[in-house]
Protein backbone atom coordinates (compact mmCIF):
# COMPACT_ATOMS: atom_id res chain seq x y z
CA MET A 1 -22.98 -25.07 3.68
CA THR A 2 -20.86 -22.78 1.50
CA LEU A 3 -19.31 -24.47 -1.50
CA LEU A 4 -15.68 -23.69 -2.23
CA ASP A 5 -15.04 -21.98 -5.52
CA PRO A 6 -12.40 -24.04 -7.39
CA ARG A 7 -11.46 -21.01 -9.48
CA ARG A 8 -9.98 -19.32 -6.43
CA ASP A 9 -7.93 -22.36 -5.42
CA PRO A 10 -4.31 -21.98 -6.63
CA LEU A 11 -3.99 -25.78 -6.73
CA THR A 12 -6.65 -26.19 -9.40
CA PRO A 13 -6.39 -25.58 -13.17
CA GLN A 14 -9.29 -23.12 -12.92
CA PHE A 15 -7.13 -20.71 -10.92
CA ALA A 16 -5.26 -19.54 -14.03
CA ASP A 17 -8.59 -19.04 -15.81
CA TRP A 18 -9.84 -16.92 -12.92
CA LEU A 19 -6.76 -14.67 -13.04
CA ALA A 20 -7.27 -14.33 -16.79
CA GLU A 21 -10.89 -13.28 -16.16
CA LEU A 22 -9.61 -10.62 -13.78
CA GLY A 23 -7.19 -9.45 -16.47
CA VAL A 24 -4.05 -9.97 -14.38
CA GLN A 25 -0.89 -12.04 -14.73
CA PRO A 26 0.23 -14.64 -12.16
CA ASP A 27 3.41 -13.75 -10.29
CA ASP A 28 6.08 -16.28 -9.32
CA SER A 29 5.71 -16.39 -5.56
CA ALA A 30 5.26 -18.82 -2.68
CA GLU A 31 1.74 -17.47 -2.16
CA PRO A 32 -0.95 -16.95 -4.83
CA THR A 33 0.02 -13.56 -6.22
CA ALA A 34 -1.10 -11.52 -9.19
CA LEU A 35 0.78 -8.72 -10.94
CA VAL A 36 -1.39 -5.64 -11.29
CA SER A 37 -0.40 -2.38 -12.96
CA ALA A 38 -0.96 0.88 -11.12
CA ASP A 39 -3.40 2.05 -13.79
CA ASP A 40 -5.46 -1.14 -13.49
CA LEU A 41 -5.46 -1.49 -9.72
CA LEU A 42 -8.83 0.09 -8.98
CA ARG A 43 -10.59 -1.96 -11.66
CA VAL A 44 -9.19 -5.25 -10.34
CA ALA A 45 -9.90 -4.28 -6.74
CA ALA A 46 -13.52 -3.45 -7.59
CA LEU A 47 -13.97 -6.86 -9.24
CA LEU A 48 -12.57 -8.62 -6.19
CA ARG A 49 -14.73 -6.54 -3.87
CA SER A 50 -17.87 -7.46 -5.84
CA ASP A 51 -16.79 -11.12 -5.55
CA GLY A 52 -16.77 -10.82 -1.75
CA PHE A 53 -13.07 -10.26 -1.07
CA MET A 54 -11.93 -8.01 1.74
CA LEU A 55 -8.66 -6.15 2.20
CA LEU A 56 -6.64 -7.53 5.12
CA ASP A 57 -3.28 -5.82 4.80
CA SER A 58 -1.05 -3.65 2.64
CA VAL A 59 2.75 -3.67 2.90
CA GLY A 60 5.54 -1.93 1.04
CA LEU A 61 8.76 -3.53 -0.18
CA ASP A 62 12.09 -1.98 -1.16
CA TYR A 63 14.01 -4.03 -3.75
CA SER A 64 17.01 -1.69 -3.97
CA GLN A 65 19.32 -4.31 -2.43
CA TYR A 66 17.54 -7.39 -3.79
CA THR A 67 19.73 -9.83 -5.70
CA GLU A 68 17.24 -10.26 -8.53
CA ARG A 69 16.44 -7.27 -10.73
CA LYS A 70 12.87 -6.02 -10.35
CA PRO A 71 10.79 -3.72 -12.57
CA ALA A 72 10.91 -0.96 -9.94
CA ARG A 73 12.55 -0.26 -6.62
CA PHE A 74 9.30 -0.24 -4.64
CA CYS A 75 6.17 -2.32 -4.74
CA VAL A 76 3.07 -2.62 -2.59
CA LEU A 77 1.49 -5.96 -1.77
CA HIS A 78 -2.23 -5.86 -1.06
CA ASN A 79 -3.45 -8.94 0.81
CA VAL A 80 -7.10 -9.71 -0.06
CA PHE A 81 -9.08 -12.55 1.48
CA HIS A 82 -12.45 -14.20 0.89
CA PRO A 83 -14.21 -14.88 4.21
CA TYR A 84 -16.41 -17.77 3.00
CA ASP A 85 -14.05 -20.09 1.13
CA HIS A 86 -10.92 -18.75 2.88
CA ARG A 87 -9.06 -18.02 -0.36
CA ARG A 88 -6.28 -15.45 -0.32
CA LEU A 89 -4.73 -13.47 -3.17
CA PHE A 90 -1.85 -11.00 -3.07
CA LEU A 91 -1.88 -8.10 -5.51
CA ARG A 92 1.65 -6.97 -6.32
CA VAL A 93 1.75 -3.42 -7.66
CA TYR A 94 5.10 -1.90 -8.65
CA VAL A 95 5.37 1.78 -7.86
CA PRO A 96 5.99 3.91 -10.99
CA GLU A 97 8.70 6.58 -11.15
CA SER A 98 6.21 9.17 -9.94
CA GLY A 99 6.25 7.39 -6.58
CA GLU A 100 2.45 7.32 -6.47
CA LEU A 101 -0.20 4.62 -6.51
CA PRO A 102 -3.97 5.06 -6.50
CA THR A 103 -5.56 4.62 -3.11
CA LEU A 104 -7.83 1.63 -2.52
CA TYR A 105 -9.94 3.65 -0.08
CA PRO A 106 -12.87 4.01 -2.55
CA VAL A 107 -13.05 0.21 -2.76
CA TRP A 108 -12.13 -0.85 0.78
CA LYS A 109 -12.30 1.64 3.64
CA ALA A 110 -9.78 -0.56 5.47
CA ALA A 111 -7.13 0.91 3.16
CA ASN A 112 -7.17 4.14 5.18
CA TYR A 113 -4.70 3.24 7.95
CA LEU A 114 -2.98 0.47 5.97
CA GLU A 115 -1.88 2.92 3.28
CA ARG A 116 -0.95 5.55 5.86
CA GLU A 117 1.46 3.04 7.40
CA VAL A 118 3.05 2.27 4.01
CA TYR A 119 3.33 5.99 3.32
CA ASP A 120 4.94 6.60 6.70
CA LEU A 121 7.45 3.73 6.65
CA MET A 122 8.18 3.45 2.90
CA GLY A 123 7.33 6.84 1.43
CA VAL A 124 4.83 5.56 -1.15
CA VAL A 125 2.23 8.23 -1.90
CA PHE A 126 -1.37 7.08 -2.44
CA SER A 127 -3.14 9.56 -4.68
CA GLY A 128 -6.74 10.24 -3.75
CA HIS A 129 -6.30 9.14 -0.14
CA PRO A 130 -8.61 11.21 2.09
CA ASP A 131 -6.13 11.74 4.95
CA LEU A 132 -2.58 10.74 4.01
CA ARG A 133 -0.63 11.51 7.18
CA LYS A 134 1.97 9.67 9.22
CA VAL A 135 0.57 7.10 11.57
CA LEU A 136 3.58 5.56 13.39
CA THR A 137 6.57 7.92 13.40
CA PRO A 138 6.73 11.52 14.67
CA ASP A 139 5.74 14.21 12.20
CA ASP A 140 9.23 15.73 12.27
CA LEU A 141 11.16 12.49 11.70
CA GLU A 142 12.84 12.82 8.33
CA GLY A 143 12.98 9.78 6.07
CA HIS A 144 11.14 6.47 5.97
CA PRO A 145 12.44 3.81 8.39
CA LEU A 146 11.73 0.72 6.26
CA ARG A 147 13.66 1.94 3.24
CA LYS A 148 16.95 0.11 2.72
CA ASP A 149 18.91 3.36 2.72
CA PHE A 150 17.50 4.59 6.03
CA PRO A 151 20.41 4.98 8.50
CA VAL A 152 20.40 2.42 11.30
CA GLY A 153 22.69 2.02 14.25
CA GLU A 154 23.30 3.64 17.59
CA THR A 155 23.01 7.29 16.54
CA PRO A 156 20.44 9.25 18.61
CA THR A 157 17.50 10.51 16.58
CA LEU A 158 17.32 14.30 16.76
CA PHE A 159 14.03 16.03 16.00
CA ARG A 160 13.58 19.60 14.83
CA ASP A 161 12.14 20.81 18.13
CA GLY A 162 15.21 19.65 20.07
CA ARG A 163 13.88 16.32 21.35
CA PHE A 164 15.97 13.21 20.80
CA LEU A 165 15.73 9.46 21.30
CA ASP A 166 18.72 7.63 22.73
CA PRO A 167 18.62 4.12 21.15
CA ALA A 168 19.93 2.21 24.16
CA SER A 169 17.54 3.86 26.61
CA PHE A 170 14.65 3.50 24.18
CA ARG A 171 15.29 -0.24 23.72
CA ALA A 172 15.61 -0.74 27.45
CA GLY A 173 12.23 0.81 28.05
CA MET A 174 10.63 -1.28 25.33
CA ASN A 175 12.01 -4.68 26.36
CA GLY A 176 11.48 -4.18 30.09
CA GLN A 177 15.14 -4.72 31.08
CA SER A 178 15.27 -1.37 32.84
CA ALA A 179 13.20 1.73 33.41
CA GLY A 180 14.33 3.18 30.07
CA LEU A 181 12.89 6.48 28.89
CA SER A 182 9.49 5.87 30.39
CA GLY A 183 10.55 5.32 33.99
CA TRP A 184 8.50 2.13 33.93
CA ARG A 185 9.70 -1.44 33.79
CA GLY A 186 7.47 -4.12 32.33
CA ALA A 187 4.03 -4.32 33.92
CA LEU A 188 4.99 -2.64 37.18
CA ARG A 189 4.23 0.80 35.68
CA ARG A 190 5.60 2.53 38.78
CA GLY A 191 9.23 3.15 37.87
CA GLU A 192 10.53 0.99 40.71
CA SER A 193 12.16 -2.42 40.87
CA GLY A 194 10.77 -5.46 42.59
CA GLU A 195 8.85 -8.63 42.00
CA GLN A 196 5.27 -8.27 40.88
CA LEU A 197 2.90 -10.14 43.17
CA PRO A 198 0.34 -12.44 41.55
CA PRO A 199 -3.33 -11.50 41.92
CA VAL A 200 -5.10 -12.95 44.94
CA MET A 201 -8.60 -14.42 44.65
CA PRO A 202 -11.01 -12.62 46.98
CA GLU A 203 -12.30 -14.64 49.90
CA GLY A 204 -15.41 -16.53 48.88
CA GLY A 205 -14.50 -16.64 45.18
CA PRO A 206 -15.01 -14.15 42.37
CA LYS A 207 -17.77 -11.61 42.85
């Protein structure tokens, strides 16, 4: 039976001591969160990795329209998790004016695609990343869709090679209300209307 480590429990007094041992400051948040500077990120991540934590997710945030003033416009939240005592810790790293943060790939290989997604959607550059390319949007889409100043609305997206996406048709194809751009509707996958018949059990039961 694995004993729970009280230091990693945010409801215990030892939690503050554990953050102090890591050399980070607690952040005021609904979830256990630590403030980590960009220069100190790799050191803290290595300590957590040696303690058995794994990287589950990395997300970018844009505070440009946030009501409360923040130290920087962008930050990245790294979600780390301990698989044995199920403790979670968020590392909040504000992006400096250079727009770059060190990659966590040398510590957790899972950072590869997680950081590529943040780079694609938020424009945060991760220095030292082995393959920092877009992962969700087309290569010729200009801008980063999750930034607060990214234009939204019903304007077709025009790409440099002449292709374009019509928002209404694109949505229709995604939500299954019509054939949309794909010519398919829902699970029919044939570009035709009609009710999908339920599967029929073969005579004599499953083979």
